[in-house]
Amino acid sequence: MEAVTRFNIKLKAEEETEINGVSPHISSQQWEELLSQLDGLVDGDFMVLSGSIPSSLNENAYSDIAEYLSNRNIHKIYGRKLVEQGEKS
């Protein structure tokens, strides 16, 4: 990404306050570039899929990445979004 992605601030006191910045727009070309970069992962590498998905992407973007890597020996660590979707690979 060429721009700052976003800032998220959490204030913890008696109550928690969240200030979440706007997600960047990710074009289809940038998405394809990301998938191409995943080709550089090697057996035994770790991939963490976590956090909110920018609104410009399909809500199943993390599942799509997990599927893209499913036939490789990449250790995948899932955040809540994938766990809620029932991802098992």
PDB file of N, CA and C in Angstrom:
ATOM      1  N   MET A   1       0.846  -1.169   0.000  1.00  0.00           N
ATOM      2  CA  MET A   1       0.000   0.000   0.000  1.00  0.00           C
ATOM      3  C   MET A   1       0.895   1.236   0.000  1.00  0.00           C
ATOM      4  N   GLU A   2       0.546   2.158  -0.791  1.00  0.00           N
ATOM      5  CA  GLU A   2       1.336   3.375  -0.887  1.00  0.00           C
ATOM      6  C   GLU A   2       0.957   4.399   0.178  1.00  0.00           C
ATOM      7  N   ALA A   3      -0.246   4.316   0.716  1.00  0.00           N
ATOM      8  CA  ALA A   3      -0.705   5.290   1.699  1.00  0.00           C
ATOM      9  C   ALA A   3      -0.746   4.663   3.087  1.00  0.00           C
ATOM     10  N   VAL A   4      -0.898   5.507   4.082  1.00  0.00           N
ATOM     11  CA  VAL A   4      -1.091   5.019   5.443  1.00  0.00           C
ATOM     12  C   VAL A   4      -2.403   4.254   5.459  1.00  0.00           C
ATOM     13  N   THR A   5      -2.409   3.074   6.049  1.00  0.00           N
ATOM     14  CA  THR A   5      -3.633   2.278   6.031  1.00  0.00           C
ATOM     15  C   THR A   5      -4.696   2.872   6.939  1.00  0.00           C
ATOM     16  N   ARG A   6      -4.425   3.044   8.199  1.00  0.00           N
ATOM     17  CA  ARG A   6      -5.342   3.709   9.115  1.00  0.00           C
ATOM     18  C   ARG A   6      -4.789   3.665  10.525  1.00  0.00           C
ATOM     19  N   PHE A   7      -5.406   4.437  11.389  1.00  0.00           N
ATOM     20  CA  PHE A   7      -5.048   4.434  12.795  1.00  0.00           C
ATOM     21  C   PHE A   7      -6.247   3.954  13.601  1.00  0.00           C
ATOM     22  N   ASN A   8      -5.999   3.129  14.584  1.00  0.00           N
ATOM     23  CA  ASN A   8      -7.014   2.703  15.538  1.00  0.00           C
ATOM     24  C   ASN A   8      -6.488   3.004  16.931  1.00  0.00           C
ATOM     25  N   ILE A   9      -7.310   3.630  17.736  1.00  0.00           N
ATOM     26  CA  ILE A   9      -6.909   3.991  19.094  1.00  0.00           C
ATOM     27  C   ILE A   9      -7.906   3.386  20.065  1.00  0.00           C
ATOM     28  N   LYS A  10      -7.399   2.761  21.112  1.00  0.00           N
ATOM     29  CA  LYS A  10      -8.245   2.228  22.170  1.00  0.00           C
ATOM     30  C   LYS A  10      -7.825   2.863  23.479  1.00  0.00           C
ATOM     31  N   LEU A  11      -8.793   3.427  24.183  1.00  0.00           N
ATOM     32  CA  LEU A  11      -8.543   4.029  25.482  1.00  0.00           C
ATOM     33  C   LEU A  11      -9.166   3.127  26.541  1.00  0.00           C
ATOM     34  N   LYS A  12      -8.348   2.651  27.454  1.00  0.00           N
ATOM     35  CA  LYS A  12      -8.845   1.751  28.494  1.00  0.00           C
ATOM     36  C   LYS A  12      -8.910   2.503  29.812  1.00  0.00           C
ATOM     37  N   ALA A  13     -10.063   2.494  30.403  1.00  0.00           N
ATOM     38  CA  ALA A  13     -10.302   3.069  31.728  1.00  0.00           C
ATOM     39  C   ALA A  13     -11.415   2.228  32.328  1.00  0.00           C
ATOM     40  N   GLU A  14     -12.341   2.852  33.041  1.00  0.00           N
ATOM     41  CA  GLU A  14     -13.480   2.088  33.549  1.00  0.00           C
ATOM     42  C   GLU A  14     -14.286   1.523  32.388  1.00  0.00           C
ATOM     43  N   GLU A  15     -14.337   2.289  31.298  1.00  0.00           N
ATOM     44  CA  GLU A  15     -14.970   1.827  30.066  1.00  0.00           C
ATOM     45  C   GLU A  15     -13.956   1.969  28.939  1.00  0.00           C
ATOM     46  N   GLU A  16     -14.068   1.105  27.957  1.00  0.00           N
ATOM     47  CA  GLU A  16     -13.154   1.182  26.814  1.00  0.00           C
ATOM     48  C   GLU A  16     -13.762   2.068  25.734  1.00  0.00           C
ATOM     49  N   THR A  17     -12.934   2.905  25.140  1.00  0.00           N
ATOM     50  CA  THR A  17     -13.348   3.765  24.036  1.00  0.00           C
ATOM     51  C   THR A  17     -12.496   3.419  22.823  1.00  0.00           C
ATOM     52  N   GLU A  18     -13.146   3.250  21.691  1.00  0.00           N
ATOM     53  CA  GLU A  18     -12.430   2.956  20.452  1.00  0.00           C
ATOM     54  C   GLU A  18     -12.607   4.100  19.466  1.00  0.00           C
ATOM     55  N   ILE A  19     -11.524   4.483  18.833  1.00  0.00           N
ATOM     56  CA  ILE A  19     -11.548   5.449  17.743  1.00  0.00           C
ATOM     57  C   ILE A  19     -10.910   4.735  16.556  1.00  0.00           C
ATOM     58  N   ASN A  20     -11.733   4.377  15.575  1.00  0.00           N
ATOM     59  CA  ASN A  20     -11.258   3.602  14.430  1.00  0.00           C
ATOM     60  C   ASN A  20     -11.265   4.458  13.178  1.00  0.00           C
ATOM     61  N   GLY A  21     -10.124   4.505  12.517  1.00  0.00           N
ATOM     62  CA  GLY A  21     -10.011   5.248  11.272  1.00  0.00           C
ATOM     63  C   GLY A  21     -10.677   4.513  10.118  1.00  0.00           C
ATOM     64  N   VAL A  22     -10.815   5.194   9.021  1.00  0.00           N
ATOM     65  CA  VAL A  22     -11.428   4.633   7.818  1.00  0.00           C
ATOM     66  C   VAL A  22     -10.423   3.721   7.119  1.00  0.00           C
ATOM     67  N   SER A  23     -10.898   2.579   6.664  1.00  0.00           N
ATOM     68  CA  SER A  23     -10.047   1.640   5.929  1.00  0.00           C
ATOM     69  C   SER A  23      -9.689   2.200   4.563  1.00  0.00           C
ATOM     70  N   PRO A  24      -8.530   1.811   4.038  1.00  0.00           N
ATOM     71  CA  PRO A  24      -8.156   2.280   2.697  1.00  0.00           C
ATOM     72  C   PRO A  24      -8.958   1.552   1.621  1.00  0.00           C
ATOM     73  N   HIS A  25      -9.031   2.151   0.448  1.00  0.00           N
ATOM     74  CA  HIS A  25      -9.629   1.464  -0.700  1.00  0.00           C
ATOM     75  C   HIS A  25      -8.553   0.574  -1.305  1.00  0.00           C
ATOM     76  N   ILE A  26      -8.889  -0.685  -1.506  1.00  0.00           N
ATOM     77  CA  ILE A  26      -7.949  -1.632  -2.115  1.00  0.00           C
ATOM     78  C   ILE A  26      -8.525  -2.026  -3.470  1.00  0.00           C
ATOM     79  N   SER A  27      -7.800  -1.710  -4.511  1.00  0.00           N
ATOM     80  CA  SER A  27      -8.264  -1.997  -5.875  1.00  0.00           C
ATOM     81  C   SER A  27      -8.089  -3.486  -6.189  1.00  0.00           C
ATOM     82  N   SER A  28      -8.732  -3.925  -7.255  1.00  0.00           N
ATOM     83  CA  SER A  28      -8.584  -5.325  -7.668  1.00  0.00           C
ATOM     84  C   SER A  28      -7.141  -5.606  -8.067  1.00  0.00           C
ATOM     85  N   GLN A  29      -6.457  -4.614  -8.640  1.00  0.00           N
ATOM     86  CA  GLN A  29      -5.047  -4.797  -8.991  1.00  0.00           C
ATOM     87  C   GLN A  29      -4.202  -4.983  -7.731  1.00  0.00           C
ATOM     88  N   GLN A  30      -4.461  -4.199  -6.684  1.00  0.00           N
ATOM     89  CA  GLN A  30      -3.720  -4.351  -5.428  1.00  0.00           C
ATOM     90  C   GLN A  30      -4.006  -5.709  -4.786  1.00  0.00           C
ATOM     91  N   TRP A  31      -5.250  -6.175  -4.897  1.00  0.00           N
ATOM     92  CA  TRP A  31      -5.610  -7.488  -4.358  1.00  0.00           C
ATOM     93  C   TRP A  31      -4.808  -8.580  -5.079  1.00  0.00           C
ATOM     94  N   GLU A  32      -4.745  -8.496  -6.395  1.00  0.00           N
ATOM     95  CA  GLU A  32      -3.980  -9.468  -7.176  1.00  0.00           C
ATOM     96  C   GLU A  32      -2.493  -9.408  -6.817  1.00  0.00           C
ATOM     97  N   GLU A  33      -1.979  -8.203  -6.574  1.00  0.00           N
ATOM     98  CA  GLU A  33      -0.579  -8.052  -6.157  1.00  0.00           C
ATOM     99  C   GLU A  33      -0.344  -8.724  -4.807  1.00  0.00           C
ATOM    100  N   LEU A  34      -1.302  -8.596  -3.902  1.00  0.00           N
ATOM    101  CA  LEU A  34      -1.185  -9.269  -2.596  1.00  0.00           C
ATOM    102  C   LEU A  34      -1.121 -10.784  -2.782  1.00  0.00           C
ATOM    103  N   LEU A  35      -2.019 -11.321  -3.595  1.00  0.00           N
ATOM    104  CA  LEU A  35      -2.005 -12.763  -3.830  1.00  0.00           C
ATOM    105  C   LEU A  35      -0.674 -13.198  -4.447  1.00  0.00           C
ATOM    106  N   SER A  36      -0.128 -12.392  -5.339  1.00  0.00           N
ATOM    107  CA  SER A  36       1.173 -12.711  -5.934  1.00  0.00           C
ATOM    108  C   SER A  36       2.276 -12.726  -4.881  1.00  0.00           C
ATOM    109  N   GLN A  37       2.203 -11.810  -3.927  1.00  0.00           N
ATOM    110  CA  GLN A  37       3.194 -11.779  -2.854  1.00  0.00           C
ATOM    111  C   GLN A  37       3.100 -13.029  -1.980  1.00  0.00           C
ATOM    112  N   LEU A  38       1.900 -13.578  -1.844  1.00  0.00           N
ATOM    113  CA  LEU A  38       1.730 -14.799  -1.050  1.00  0.00           C
ATOM    114  C   LEU A  38       2.457 -15.981  -1.683  1.00  0.00           C
ATOM    115  N   ASP A  39       2.693 -15.906  -2.986  1.00  0.00           N
ATOM    116  CA  ASP A  39       3.432 -16.968  -3.667  1.00  0.00           C
ATOM    117  C   ASP A  39       4.861 -17.065  -3.142  1.00  0.00           C
ATOM    118  N   GLY A  40       5.361 -16.020  -2.501  1.00  0.00           N
ATOM    119  CA  GLY A  40       6.708 -16.023  -1.937  1.00  0.00           C
ATOM    120  C   GLY A  40       6.819 -16.750  -0.605  1.00  0.00           C
ATOM    121  N   LEU A  41       5.673 -17.123  -0.018  1.00  0.00           N
ATOM    122  CA  LEU A  41       5.732 -17.891   1.231  1.00  0.00           C
ATOM    123  C   LEU A  41       6.274 -19.284   0.945  1.00  0.00           C
ATOM    124  N   VAL A  42       7.038 -19.815   1.892  1.00  0.00           N
ATOM    125  CA  VAL A  42       7.614 -21.155   1.728  1.00  0.00           C
ATOM    126  C   VAL A  42       7.091 -22.071   2.824  1.00  0.00           C
ATOM    127  N   ASP A  43       7.215 -23.375   2.603  1.00  0.00           N
ATOM    128  CA  ASP A  43       6.759 -24.356   3.593  1.00  0.00           C
ATOM    129  C   ASP A  43       7.270 -23.995   4.977  1.00  0.00           C
ATOM    130  N   GLY A  44       6.350 -24.024   5.929  1.00  0.00           N
ATOM    131  CA  GLY A  44       6.704 -23.730   7.312  1.00  0.00           C
ATOM    132  C   GLY A  44       6.500 -22.277   7.705  1.00  0.00           C
ATOM    133  N   ASP A  45       6.259 -21.385   6.724  1.00  0.00           N
ATOM    134  CA  ASP A  45       5.988 -19.986   7.045  1.00  0.00           C
ATOM    135  C   ASP A  45       4.645 -19.871   7.771  1.00  0.00           C
ATOM    136  N   PHE A  46       4.462 -18.756   8.466  1.00  0.00           N
ATOM    137  CA  PHE A  46       3.219 -18.468   9.171  1.00  0.00           C
ATOM    138  C   PHE A  46       2.498 -17.319   8.472  1.00  0.00           C
ATOM    139  N   MET A  47       1.177 -17.405   8.445  1.00  0.00           N
ATOM    140  CA  MET A  47       0.344 -16.335   7.891  1.00  0.00           C
ATOM    141  C   MET A  47      -0.736 -16.034   8.915  1.00  0.00           C
ATOM    142  N   VAL A  48      -0.782 -14.783   9.377  1.00  0.00           N
ATOM    143  CA  VAL A  48      -1.799 -14.359  10.332  1.00  0.00           C
ATOM    144  C   VAL A  48      -2.873 -13.600   9.570  1.00  0.00           C
ATOM    145  N   LEU A  49      -4.105 -14.057   9.688  1.00  0.00           N
ATOM    146  CA  LEU A  49      -5.247 -13.408   9.049  1.00  0.00           C
ATOM    147  C   LEU A  49      -6.151 -12.905  10.164  1.00  0.00           C
ATOM    148  N   SER A  50      -6.140 -11.603  10.379  1.00  0.00           N
ATOM    149  CA  SER A  50      -6.863 -11.046  11.511  1.00  0.00           C
ATOM    150  C   SER A  50      -7.190  -9.587  11.256  1.00  0.00           C
ATOM    151  N   GLY A  51      -8.133  -9.064  11.979  1.00  0.00           N
ATOM    152  CA  GLY A  51      -8.501  -7.657  11.876  1.00  0.00           C
ATOM    153  C   GLY A  51      -9.665  -7.455  10.922  1.00  0.00           C
ATOM    154  N   SER A  52     -10.151  -6.237  10.863  1.00  0.00           N
ATOM    155  CA  SER A  52     -11.289  -5.949   9.998  1.00  0.00           C
ATOM    156  C   SER A  52     -10.853  -5.934   8.537  1.00  0.00           C
ATOM    157  N   ILE A  53     -11.787  -6.257   7.676  1.00  0.00           N
ATOM    158  CA  ILE A  53     -11.527  -6.305   6.242  1.00  0.00           C
ATOM    159  C   ILE A  53     -12.015  -4.989   5.640  1.00  0.00           C
ATOM    160  N   PRO A  54     -11.177  -4.308   4.856  1.00  0.00           N
ATOM    161  CA  PRO A  54     -11.613  -3.056   4.242  1.00  0.00           C
ATOM    162  C   PRO A  54     -12.897  -3.243   3.435  1.00  0.00           C
ATOM    163  N   SER A  55     -13.752  -2.247   3.454  1.00  0.00           N
ATOM    164  CA  SER A  55     -15.053  -2.344   2.777  1.00  0.00           C
ATOM    165  C   SER A  55     -14.925  -2.518   1.263  1.00  0.00           C
ATOM    166  N   SER A  56     -13.780  -2.183   0.697  1.00  0.00           N
ATOM    167  CA  SER A  56     -13.585  -2.333  -0.747  1.00  0.00           C
ATOM    168  C   SER A  56     -13.319  -3.786  -1.152  1.00  0.00           C
ATOM    169  N   LEU A  57     -13.125  -4.661  -0.165  1.00  0.00           N
ATOM    170  CA  LEU A  57     -12.882  -6.077  -0.452  1.00  0.00           C
ATOM    171  C   LEU A  57     -14.112  -6.917  -0.128  1.00  0.00           C
ATOM    172  N   ASN A  58     -14.171  -8.080  -0.734  1.00  0.00           N
ATOM    173  CA  ASN A  58     -15.197  -9.071  -0.421  1.00  0.00           C
ATOM    174  C   ASN A  58     -15.105  -9.415   1.060  1.00  0.00           C
ATOM    175  N   GLU A  59     -16.238  -9.550   1.735  1.00  0.00           N
ATOM    176  CA  GLU A  59     -16.205  -9.856   3.169  1.00  0.00           C
ATOM    177  C   GLU A  59     -15.565 -11.210   3.470  1.00  0.00           C
ATOM    178  N   ASN A  60     -15.402 -12.038   2.462  1.00  0.00           N
ATOM    179  CA  ASN A  60     -14.754 -13.342   2.630  1.00  0.00           C
ATOM    180  C   ASN A  60     -13.293 -13.316   2.196  1.00  0.00           C
ATOM    181  N   ALA A  61     -12.680 -12.148   2.187  1.00  0.00           N
ATOM    182  CA  ALA A  61     -11.302 -12.006   1.700  1.00  0.00           C
ATOM    183  C   ALA A  61     -10.342 -12.927   2.449  1.00  0.00           C
ATOM    184  N   TYR A  62     -10.481 -13.028   3.768  1.00  0.00           N
ATOM    185  CA  TYR A  62      -9.579 -13.903   4.526  1.00  0.00           C
ATOM    186  C   TYR A  62      -9.793 -15.364   4.157  1.00  0.00           C
ATOM    187  N   SER A  63     -11.038 -15.759   3.984  1.00  0.00           N
ATOM    188  CA  SER A  63     -11.317 -17.136   3.557  1.00  0.00           C
ATOM    189  C   SER A  63     -10.731 -17.393   2.174  1.00  0.00           C
ATOM    190  N   ASP A  64     -10.804 -16.387   1.317  1.00  0.00           N
ATOM    191  CA  ASP A  64     -10.227 -16.516  -0.030  1.00  0.00           C
ATOM    192  C   ASP A  64      -8.716 -16.715   0.054  1.00  0.00           C
ATOM    193  N   ILE A  65      -8.062 -15.974   0.956  1.00  0.00           N
ATOM    194  CA  ILE A  65      -6.611 -16.139   1.131  1.00  0.00           C
ATOM    195  C   ILE A  65      -6.308 -17.522   1.684  1.00  0.00           C
ATOM    196  N   ALA A  66      -7.072 -17.968   2.672  1.00  0.00           N
ATOM    197  CA  ALA A  66      -6.860 -19.300   3.246  1.00  0.00           C
ATOM    198  C   ALA A  66      -7.019 -20.379   2.173  1.00  0.00           C
ATOM    199  N   GLU A  67      -8.015 -20.209   1.322  1.00  0.00           N
ATOM    200  CA  GLU A  67      -8.226 -21.164   0.234  1.00  0.00           C
ATOM    201  C   GLU A  67      -7.059 -21.113  -0.755  1.00  0.00           C
ATOM    202  N   TYR A  68      -6.575 -19.934  -1.064  1.00  0.00           N
ATOM    203  CA  TYR A  68      -5.446 -19.751  -1.974  1.00  0.00           C
ATOM    204  C   TYR A  68      -4.213 -20.503  -1.467  1.00  0.00           C
ATOM    205  N   LEU A  69      -4.062 -20.548  -0.142  1.00  0.00           N
ATOM    206  CA  LEU A  69      -2.898 -21.201   0.468  1.00  0.00           C
ATOM    207  C   LEU A  69      -3.177 -22.646   0.909  1.00  0.00           C
ATOM    208  N   SER A  70      -4.373 -23.146   0.665  1.00  0.00           N
ATOM    209  CA  SER A  70      -4.791 -24.422   1.245  1.00  0.00           C
ATOM    210  C   SER A  70      -3.967 -25.630   0.809  1.00  0.00           C
ATOM    211  N   ASN A  71      -3.378 -25.597  -0.358  1.00  0.00           N
ATOM    212  CA  ASN A  71      -2.614 -26.759  -0.823  1.00  0.00           C
ATOM    213  C   ASN A  71      -1.128 -26.652  -0.488  1.00  0.00           C
ATOM    214  N   ARG A  72      -0.781 -25.702   0.389  1.00  0.00           N
ATOM    215  CA  ARG A  72       0.623 -25.492   0.763  1.00  0.00           C
ATOM    216  C   ARG A  72       0.790 -25.675   2.255  1.00  0.00           C
ATOM    217  N   ASN A  73       2.006 -25.969   2.676  1.00  0.00           N
ATOM    218  CA  ASN A  73       2.303 -26.184   4.092  1.00  0.00           C
ATOM    219  C   ASN A  73       2.620 -24.847   4.776  1.00  0.00           C
ATOM    220  N   ILE A  74       1.612 -23.974   4.806  1.00  0.00           N
ATOM    221  CA  ILE A  74       1.738 -22.667   5.448  1.00  0.00           C
ATOM    222  C   ILE A  74       0.903 -22.717   6.721  1.00  0.00           C
ATOM    223  N   HIS A  75       1.491 -22.347   7.849  1.00  0.00           N
ATOM    224  CA  HIS A  75       0.750 -22.313   9.115  1.00  0.00           C
ATOM    225  C   HIS A  75      -0.125 -21.069   9.117  1.00  0.00           C
ATOM    226  N   LYS A  76      -1.427 -21.272   9.273  1.00  0.00           N
ATOM    227  CA  LYS A  76      -2.355 -20.147   9.252  1.00  0.00           C
ATOM    228  C   LYS A  76      -2.911 -19.912  10.653  1.00  0.00           C
ATOM    229  N   ILE A  77      -2.866 -18.670  11.085  1.00  0.00           N
ATOM    230  CA  ILE A  77      -3.415 -18.272  12.380  1.00  0.00           C
ATOM    231  C   ILE A  77      -4.577 -17.346  12.083  1.00  0.00           C
ATOM    232  N   TYR A  78      -5.751 -17.708  12.605  1.00  0.00           N
ATOM    233  CA  TYR A  78      -6.961 -16.987  12.262  1.00  0.00           C
ATOM    234  C   TYR A  78      -7.438 -16.085  13.389  1.00  0.00           C
ATOM    235  N   GLY A  79      -7.916 -14.920  13.009  1.00  0.00           N
ATOM    236  CA  GLY A  79      -8.583 -14.024  13.934  1.00  0.00           C
ATOM    237  C   GLY A  79     -10.052 -14.377  14.014  1.00  0.00           C
ATOM    238  N   ARG A  80     -10.778 -13.625  14.767  1.00  0.00           N
ATOM    239  CA  ARG A  80     -12.198 -13.895  15.037  1.00  0.00           C
ATOM    240  C   ARG A  80     -13.035 -13.976  13.769  1.00  0.00           C
ATOM    241  N   LYS A  81     -12.760 -13.142  12.770  1.00  0.00           N
ATOM    242  CA  LYS A  81     -13.571 -13.111  11.552  1.00  0.00           C
ATOM    243  C   LYS A  81     -13.619 -14.487  10.876  1.00  0.00           C
ATOM    244  N   LEU A  82     -12.475 -15.141  10.735  1.00  0.00           N
ATOM    245  CA  LEU A  82     -12.439 -16.459  10.103  1.00  0.00           C
ATOM    246  C   LEU A  82     -13.043 -17.520  11.005  1.00  0.00           C
ATOM    247  N   VAL A  83     -12.827 -17.420  12.290  1.00  0.00           N
ATOM    248  CA  VAL A  83     -13.397 -18.395  13.220  1.00  0.00           C
ATOM    249  C   VAL A  83     -14.922 -18.322  13.147  1.00  0.00           C
ATOM    250  N   GLU A  84     -15.473 -17.091  13.078  1.00  0.00           N
ATOM    251  CA  GLU A  84     -16.917 -16.927  12.966  1.00  0.00           C
ATOM    252  C   GLU A  84     -17.449 -17.516  11.668  1.00  0.00           C
ATOM    253  N   GLN A  85     -16.644 -17.485  10.607  1.00  0.00           N
ATOM    254  CA  GLN A  85     -17.072 -18.034   9.314  1.00  0.00           C
ATOM    255  C   GLN A  85     -16.888 -19.549   9.264  1.00  0.00           C
ATOM    256  N   GLY A  86     -16.304 -20.133  10.316  1.00  0.00           N
ATOM    257  CA  GLY A  86     -16.141 -21.575  10.368  1.00  0.00           C
ATOM    258  C   GLY A  86     -14.965 -22.089   9.562  1.00  0.00           C
ATOM    259  N   GLU A  87     -13.970 -21.272   9.312  1.00  0.00           N
ATOM    260  CA  GLU A  87     -12.798 -21.687   8.536  1.00  0.00           C
ATOM    261  C   GLU A  87     -12.051 -22.771   9.285  1.00  0.00           C
ATOM    262  N   LYS A  88     -11.664 -23.828   8.570  1.00  0.00           N
ATOM    263  CA  LYS A  88     -11.003 -24.947   9.221  1.00  0.00           C
ATOM    264  C   LYS A  88      -9.680 -25.311   8.592  1.00  0.00           C
ATOM    265  N   SER A  89      -9.320 -24.741   7.438  1.00  0.00           N
ATOM    266  CA  SER A  89      -8.089 -25.163   6.762  1.00  0.00           C
ATOM    267  C   SER A  89      -6.858 -24.609   7.436  1.00  0.00           C
TER     268      SER A  89
END
